[in-house]
Amino acid sequence: LLSDSALVSFCHLVPLFSYVMLLGDVWISLPWFWGNTFLLPWRIVLPLLLLLLQDQPIWVRQNAREALNFQISMLIYWLVTFALMRLLVGFLLVIPLAVAETLMIIIAAVKAGEGKPFHYPLTIRFVQ
């Protein structure tokens, strides 16, 4: 099984797989890689599962809570960006939002692997 730090790092990194699916849809055009896969709720499944399991150490639960809050916030930011695409403003936000999300996820995963706490900036704290 995975160690706690590896599990928490993976918890932070799971959303990056959504970008792989999106690129698979754009470049490879595989039918099961449909374009909106990065908005599906599976991005929050692992953080939510780690948060709901009662036998997890507090450090794992804190990281899972942080990852869950960040992914819910990112879902909202992406939905707003897509809505703004109708006004053509959203197209200017796609790349900066994707880059910021990717960098923050990688930084959080590295910090979690080192056993250090990380708090995502601009995250709405839904889950306390």
N, C-alpha and C. Protein backbone atom coordinates (compact mmCIF):
# COMPACT_ATOMS: atom_id res chain seq x y z
N LEU A 1 0.83 -1.18 0.00
CA LEU A 1 0.00 0.00 0.00
C LEU A 1 0.87 1.25 0.00
N LEU A 2 0.24 2.35 -0.29
CA LEU A 2 0.95 3.63 -0.35
C LEU A 2 1.16 4.19 1.05
N SER A 3 2.28 4.89 1.22
CA SER A 3 2.49 5.60 2.47
C SER A 3 1.55 6.80 2.52
N ASP A 4 1.42 7.38 3.70
CA ASP A 4 0.53 8.53 3.84
C ASP A 4 0.95 9.69 2.95
N SER A 5 2.24 9.96 2.87
CA SER A 5 2.68 11.09 2.05
C SER A 5 2.47 10.82 0.57
N ALA A 6 2.66 9.59 0.13
CA ALA A 6 2.41 9.26 -1.28
C ALA A 6 0.91 9.33 -1.58
N LEU A 7 0.09 8.87 -0.66
CA LEU A 7 -1.35 8.91 -0.85
C LEU A 7 -1.86 10.36 -0.93
N VAL A 8 -1.35 11.21 -0.07
CA VAL A 8 -1.76 12.61 -0.08
C VAL A 8 -1.25 13.31 -1.33
N SER A 9 -0.03 13.00 -1.75
CA SER A 9 0.49 13.58 -2.99
C SER A 9 -0.37 13.16 -4.17
N PHE A 10 -0.74 11.89 -4.22
CA PHE A 10 -1.61 11.42 -5.29
C PHE A 10 -2.98 12.09 -5.22
N CYS A 11 -3.46 12.34 -4.02
CA CYS A 11 -4.73 13.04 -3.83
C CYS A 11 -4.69 14.42 -4.48
N HIS A 12 -3.57 15.10 -4.37
CA HIS A 12 -3.43 16.41 -4.99
C HIS A 12 -3.25 16.30 -6.51
N LEU A 13 -2.60 15.24 -6.98
CA LEU A 13 -2.27 15.11 -8.40
C LEU A 13 -3.38 14.54 -9.27
N VAL A 14 -4.40 13.93 -8.69
CA VAL A 14 -5.47 13.30 -9.47
C VAL A 14 -6.08 14.25 -10.52
N PRO A 15 -6.32 15.51 -10.23
CA PRO A 15 -6.93 16.37 -11.25
C PRO A 15 -6.08 16.57 -12.51
N LEU A 16 -4.77 16.36 -12.41
CA LEU A 16 -3.94 16.51 -13.61
C LEU A 16 -4.27 15.47 -14.66
N PHE A 17 -4.82 14.34 -14.25
CA PHE A 17 -5.23 13.34 -15.22
C PHE A 17 -6.36 13.84 -16.11
N SER A 18 -7.12 14.79 -15.61
CA SER A 18 -8.20 15.36 -16.43
C SER A 18 -7.63 16.11 -17.63
N TYR A 19 -6.47 16.74 -17.45
CA TYR A 19 -5.84 17.42 -18.58
C TYR A 19 -5.34 16.41 -19.60
N VAL A 20 -4.88 15.26 -19.14
CA VAL A 20 -4.46 14.21 -20.07
C VAL A 20 -5.66 13.75 -20.88
N MET A 21 -6.81 13.61 -20.23
CA MET A 21 -8.02 13.22 -20.96
C MET A 21 -8.44 14.29 -21.95
N LEU A 22 -8.33 15.53 -21.56
CA LEU A 22 -8.68 16.62 -22.46
C LEU A 22 -7.76 16.63 -23.67
N LEU A 23 -6.46 16.45 -23.46
CA LEU A 23 -5.52 16.40 -24.57
C LEU A 23 -5.77 15.18 -25.44
N GLY A 24 -6.18 14.08 -24.83
CA GLY A 24 -6.54 12.89 -25.60
C GLY A 24 -7.71 13.16 -26.52
N ASP A 25 -8.65 13.95 -26.06
CA ASP A 25 -9.80 14.31 -26.88
C ASP A 25 -9.38 15.22 -28.04
N VAL A 26 -8.50 16.17 -27.77
CA VAL A 26 -8.11 17.14 -28.79
C VAL A 26 -7.16 16.53 -29.80
N TRP A 27 -6.15 15.80 -29.34
CA TRP A 27 -5.11 15.31 -30.25
C TRP A 27 -5.40 13.94 -30.82
N ILE A 28 -5.93 13.05 -30.01
CA ILE A 28 -6.11 11.68 -30.45
C ILE A 28 -7.53 11.44 -30.95
N SER A 29 -8.48 12.20 -30.44
CA SER A 29 -9.90 12.08 -30.78
C SER A 29 -10.46 10.71 -30.48
N LEU A 30 -10.12 10.21 -29.33
CA LEU A 30 -10.71 8.95 -28.89
C LEU A 30 -12.10 9.23 -28.35
N PRO A 31 -13.07 8.38 -28.67
CA PRO A 31 -14.45 8.68 -28.29
C PRO A 31 -14.71 8.72 -26.80
N TRP A 32 -13.94 7.97 -26.00
CA TRP A 32 -14.20 7.98 -24.56
C TRP A 32 -13.50 9.14 -23.86
N PHE A 33 -12.67 9.89 -24.56
CA PHE A 33 -12.05 11.09 -24.00
C PHE A 33 -12.84 12.30 -24.46
N TRP A 34 -13.96 12.56 -23.85
CA TRP A 34 -14.78 13.67 -24.29
C TRP A 34 -14.36 14.94 -23.58
N GLY A 35 -14.55 16.05 -24.25
CA GLY A 35 -13.97 17.33 -23.86
C GLY A 35 -14.23 17.82 -22.47
N ASN A 36 -15.35 17.53 -21.87
CA ASN A 36 -15.66 18.10 -20.56
C ASN A 36 -15.27 17.18 -19.41
N THR A 37 -14.39 16.24 -19.64
CA THR A 37 -14.04 15.31 -18.57
C THR A 37 -13.36 16.00 -17.41
N PHE A 38 -12.71 17.12 -17.63
CA PHE A 38 -12.03 17.75 -16.50
C PHE A 38 -12.98 18.49 -15.58
N LEU A 39 -14.25 18.56 -15.92
CA LEU A 39 -15.24 19.13 -15.01
C LEU A 39 -16.04 18.07 -14.27
N LEU A 40 -15.81 16.82 -14.59
CA LEU A 40 -16.55 15.76 -13.93
C LEU A 40 -16.18 15.68 -12.45
N PRO A 41 -17.09 15.24 -11.63
CA PRO A 41 -16.83 15.21 -10.19
C PRO A 41 -15.82 14.17 -9.75
N TRP A 42 -15.29 13.35 -10.66
CA TRP A 42 -14.31 12.36 -10.20
C TRP A 42 -13.04 13.01 -9.68
N ARG A 43 -12.85 14.28 -9.97
CA ARG A 43 -11.69 15.01 -9.45
C ARG A 43 -11.73 15.12 -7.93
N ILE A 44 -12.93 15.05 -7.37
CA ILE A 44 -13.06 15.21 -5.92
C ILE A 44 -13.27 13.89 -5.19
N VAL A 45 -13.30 12.78 -5.93
CA VAL A 45 -13.61 11.49 -5.30
C VAL A 45 -12.54 11.09 -4.29
N LEU A 46 -11.26 11.11 -4.68
CA LEU A 46 -10.20 10.69 -3.75
C LEU A 46 -10.09 11.61 -2.54
N PRO A 47 -10.07 12.95 -2.71
CA PRO A 47 -10.03 13.79 -1.50
C PRO A 47 -11.24 13.58 -0.59
N LEU A 48 -12.41 13.40 -1.19
CA LEU A 48 -13.62 13.18 -0.40
C LEU A 48 -13.55 11.84 0.33
N LEU A 49 -13.07 10.82 -0.35
CA LEU A 49 -12.93 9.51 0.28
C LEU A 49 -11.95 9.55 1.45
N LEU A 50 -10.82 10.22 1.25
CA LEU A 50 -9.84 10.33 2.34
C LEU A 50 -10.39 11.14 3.52
N LEU A 51 -11.22 12.10 3.22
CA LEU A 51 -11.80 12.92 4.27
C LEU A 51 -12.87 12.15 5.05
N LEU A 52 -13.60 11.30 4.36
CA LEU A 52 -14.68 10.56 5.02
C LEU A 52 -14.20 9.34 5.80
N LEU A 53 -13.04 8.81 5.44
CA LEU A 53 -12.52 7.67 6.18
C LEU A 53 -12.03 8.14 7.56
N GLN A 54 -12.58 7.57 8.58
CA GLN A 54 -12.30 8.04 9.94
C GLN A 54 -10.95 7.59 10.48
N ASP A 55 -10.37 6.53 9.91
CA ASP A 55 -9.13 6.01 10.47
C ASP A 55 -7.88 6.66 9.87
N GLN A 56 -8.04 7.75 9.14
CA GLN A 56 -6.90 8.45 8.55
C GLN A 56 -6.28 9.41 9.57
N PRO A 57 -4.96 9.56 9.53
CA PRO A 57 -4.32 10.54 10.41
C PRO A 57 -4.81 11.96 10.10
N ILE A 58 -4.71 12.83 11.07
CA ILE A 58 -5.22 14.20 10.93
C ILE A 58 -4.50 14.93 9.79
N TRP A 59 -3.22 14.63 9.60
CA TRP A 59 -2.45 15.27 8.53
C TRP A 59 -3.00 14.90 7.16
N VAL A 60 -3.41 13.65 6.98
CA VAL A 60 -4.01 13.20 5.71
C VAL A 60 -5.36 13.87 5.52
N ARG A 61 -6.14 13.94 6.57
CA ARG A 61 -7.46 14.57 6.48
C ARG A 61 -7.35 16.07 6.17
N GLN A 62 -6.36 16.75 6.74
CA GLN A 62 -6.17 18.17 6.45
C GLN A 62 -5.80 18.39 4.99
N ASN A 63 -4.93 17.57 4.45
CA ASN A 63 -4.56 17.68 3.05
C ASN A 63 -5.72 17.33 2.13
N ALA A 64 -6.48 16.32 2.50
CA ALA A 64 -7.65 15.95 1.70
C ALA A 64 -8.67 17.08 1.71
N ARG A 65 -8.88 17.72 2.85
CA ARG A 65 -9.80 18.85 2.94
C ARG A 65 -9.33 20.00 2.07
N GLU A 66 -8.03 20.27 2.10
CA GLU A 66 -7.47 21.34 1.29
C GLU A 66 -7.63 21.04 -0.21
N ALA A 67 -7.35 19.80 -0.60
CA ALA A 67 -7.50 19.41 -2.01
C ALA A 67 -8.96 19.46 -2.44
N LEU A 68 -9.85 19.03 -1.57
CA LEU A 68 -11.28 19.05 -1.89
C LEU A 68 -11.79 20.48 -2.06
N ASN A 69 -11.43 21.36 -1.15
CA ASN A 69 -11.83 22.76 -1.26
C ASN A 69 -11.27 23.40 -2.53
N PHE A 70 -10.03 23.07 -2.87
CA PHE A 70 -9.43 23.63 -4.07
C PHE A 70 -10.14 23.14 -5.32
N GLN A 71 -10.47 21.86 -5.37
CA GLN A 71 -11.12 21.33 -6.57
C GLN A 71 -12.55 21.85 -6.73
N ILE A 72 -13.25 22.03 -5.64
CA ILE A 72 -14.59 22.63 -5.73
C ILE A 72 -14.48 24.08 -6.20
N SER A 73 -13.49 24.79 -5.68
CA SER A 73 -13.27 26.18 -6.11
C SER A 73 -12.90 26.23 -7.59
N MET A 74 -12.02 25.32 -8.03
CA MET A 74 -11.63 25.30 -9.43
C MET A 74 -12.80 24.96 -10.34
N LEU A 75 -13.68 24.10 -9.89
CA LEU A 75 -14.87 23.80 -10.67
C LEU A 75 -15.69 25.06 -10.90
N ILE A 76 -15.85 25.85 -9.86
CA ILE A 76 -16.58 27.12 -9.98
C ILE A 76 -15.85 28.07 -10.92
N TYR A 77 -14.53 28.18 -10.77
CA TYR A 77 -13.75 29.08 -11.63
C TYR A 77 -13.84 28.66 -13.09
N TRP A 78 -13.80 27.35 -13.36
CA TRP A 78 -13.92 26.87 -14.73
C TRP A 78 -15.32 27.14 -15.30
N LEU A 79 -16.35 26.93 -14.49
CA LEU A 79 -17.71 27.20 -14.97
C LEU A 79 -17.90 28.68 -15.30
N VAL A 80 -17.34 29.55 -14.47
CA VAL A 80 -17.41 30.99 -14.74
C VAL A 80 -16.63 31.32 -16.02
N THR A 81 -15.47 30.70 -16.19
CA THR A 81 -14.67 30.94 -17.40
C THR A 81 -15.44 30.50 -18.64
N PHE A 82 -16.08 29.33 -18.58
CA PHE A 82 -16.86 28.87 -19.73
C PHE A 82 -18.04 29.79 -20.00
N ALA A 83 -18.66 30.29 -18.95
CA ALA A 83 -19.78 31.22 -19.14
C ALA A 83 -19.29 32.52 -19.78
N LEU A 84 -18.11 32.97 -19.38
CA LEU A 84 -17.55 34.20 -19.96
C LEU A 84 -17.08 34.01 -21.40
N MET A 85 -16.95 32.78 -21.84
CA MET A 85 -16.58 32.54 -23.23
C MET A 85 -17.65 33.04 -24.20
N ARG A 86 -18.86 33.09 -23.75
CA ARG A 86 -19.94 33.64 -24.59
C ARG A 86 -19.71 35.12 -24.86
N LEU A 87 -19.00 35.79 -23.95
CA LEU A 87 -18.66 37.20 -24.13
C LEU A 87 -17.25 37.37 -24.69
N LEU A 88 -16.62 36.26 -25.04
CA LEU A 88 -15.26 36.21 -25.59
C LEU A 88 -14.18 36.57 -24.58
N VAL A 89 -14.55 36.92 -23.37
CA VAL A 89 -13.57 37.24 -22.33
C VAL A 89 -12.98 35.95 -21.76
N GLY A 90 -13.77 34.91 -21.70
CA GLY A 90 -13.34 33.65 -21.11
C GLY A 90 -12.17 33.02 -21.82
N PHE A 91 -12.05 33.27 -23.12
CA PHE A 91 -10.93 32.68 -23.87
C PHE A 91 -9.59 33.22 -23.37
N LEU A 92 -9.60 34.43 -22.83
CA LEU A 92 -8.37 35.00 -22.28
C LEU A 92 -8.00 34.39 -20.93
N LEU A 93 -8.97 33.76 -20.28
CA LEU A 93 -8.75 33.20 -18.95
C LEU A 93 -8.37 31.73 -18.94
N VAL A 94 -8.57 31.03 -20.04
CA VAL A 94 -8.38 29.59 -20.06
C VAL A 94 -6.94 29.19 -19.76
N ILE A 95 -6.00 29.74 -20.49
CA ILE A 95 -4.59 29.34 -20.31
C ILE A 95 -4.05 29.78 -18.95
N PRO A 96 -4.27 31.03 -18.51
CA PRO A 96 -3.78 31.38 -17.17
C PRO A 96 -4.40 30.53 -16.05
N LEU A 97 -5.68 30.21 -16.18
CA LEU A 97 -6.33 29.39 -15.17
C LEU A 97 -5.77 27.97 -15.17
N ALA A 98 -5.56 27.40 -16.35
CA ALA A 98 -5.01 26.04 -16.44
C ALA A 98 -3.57 26.00 -15.91
N VAL A 99 -2.78 27.00 -16.25
CA VAL A 99 -1.39 27.03 -15.77
C VAL A 99 -1.35 27.22 -14.26
N ALA A 100 -2.16 28.13 -13.73
CA ALA A 100 -2.19 28.37 -12.29
C ALA A 100 -2.64 27.11 -11.55
N GLU A 101 -3.67 26.45 -12.06
CA GLU A 101 -4.15 25.24 -11.41
C GLU A 101 -3.07 24.16 -11.42
N THR A 102 -2.44 23.97 -12.55
CA THR A 102 -1.40 22.94 -12.67
C THR A 102 -0.23 23.22 -11.73
N LEU A 103 0.23 24.45 -11.70
CA LEU A 103 1.36 24.80 -10.82
C LEU A 103 1.00 24.61 -9.35
N MET A 104 -0.19 25.05 -8.97
CA MET A 104 -0.58 24.90 -7.56
C MET A 104 -0.72 23.43 -7.17
N ILE A 105 -1.24 22.61 -8.08
CA ILE A 105 -1.38 21.18 -7.79
C ILE A 105 -0.01 20.54 -7.62
N ILE A 106 0.93 20.88 -8.50
CA ILE A 106 2.27 20.30 -8.40
C ILE A 106 2.96 20.75 -7.12
N ILE A 107 2.85 22.03 -6.80
CA ILE A 107 3.46 22.53 -5.56
C ILE A 107 2.86 21.84 -4.34
N ALA A 108 1.54 21.69 -4.33
CA ALA A 108 0.87 21.03 -3.20
C ALA A 108 1.30 19.57 -3.08
N ALA A 109 1.44 18.89 -4.22
CA ALA A 109 1.85 17.48 -4.18
C ALA A 109 3.28 17.34 -3.67
N VAL A 110 4.16 18.23 -4.09
CA VAL A 110 5.54 18.18 -3.62
C VAL A 110 5.60 18.47 -2.12
N LYS A 111 4.89 19.50 -1.67
CA LYS A 111 4.87 19.83 -0.24
C LYS A 111 4.30 18.67 0.58
N ALA A 112 3.23 18.04 0.06
CA ALA A 112 2.63 16.91 0.77
C ALA A 112 3.60 15.73 0.82
N GLY A 113 4.35 15.52 -0.25
CA GLY A 113 5.35 14.46 -0.25
C GLY A 113 6.45 14.70 0.77
N GLU A 114 6.73 15.96 1.03
CA GLU A 114 7.74 16.32 2.04
C GLU A 114 7.15 16.35 3.45
N GLY A 115 5.85 16.20 3.55
CA GLY A 115 5.20 16.24 4.86
C GLY A 115 4.90 17.63 5.37
N LYS A 116 4.98 18.62 4.49
CA LYS A 116 4.73 20.00 4.88
C LYS A 116 3.30 20.40 4.49
N PRO A 117 2.69 21.27 5.28
CA PRO A 117 1.34 21.73 4.92
C PRO A 117 1.38 22.71 3.75
N PHE A 118 0.31 22.73 2.98
CA PHE A 118 0.18 23.67 1.87
C PHE A 118 -1.26 24.15 1.83
N HIS A 119 -1.43 25.45 1.73
CA HIS A 119 -2.76 26.03 1.60
C HIS A 119 -2.86 26.69 0.24
N TYR A 120 -3.80 26.19 -0.56
CA TYR A 120 -3.99 26.74 -1.89
C TYR A 120 -4.46 28.20 -1.79
N PRO A 121 -3.87 29.09 -2.56
CA PRO A 121 -4.38 30.47 -2.58
C PRO A 121 -5.69 30.55 -3.36
N LEU A 122 -6.49 31.57 -3.07
CA LEU A 122 -7.75 31.83 -3.76
C LEU A 122 -8.72 30.66 -3.71
N THR A 123 -8.68 29.92 -2.62
CA THR A 123 -9.58 28.78 -2.45
C THR A 123 -10.71 29.17 -1.52
N ILE A 124 -11.92 28.82 -1.92
CA ILE A 124 -13.09 29.04 -1.09
C ILE A 124 -13.17 27.85 -0.13
N ARG A 125 -13.27 28.12 1.15
CA ARG A 125 -13.28 27.05 2.16
C ARG A 125 -14.70 26.56 2.37
N PHE A 126 -15.11 25.58 1.56
CA PHE A 126 -16.44 24.98 1.70
C PHE A 126 -16.47 23.95 2.82
N VAL A 127 -15.44 23.12 2.88
CA VAL A 127 -15.36 22.04 3.86
C VAL A 127 -14.41 22.46 4.96
N GLN A 128 -14.90 22.45 6.20
CA GLN A 128 -14.05 22.86 7.34
C GLN A 128 -13.53 21.68 8.06
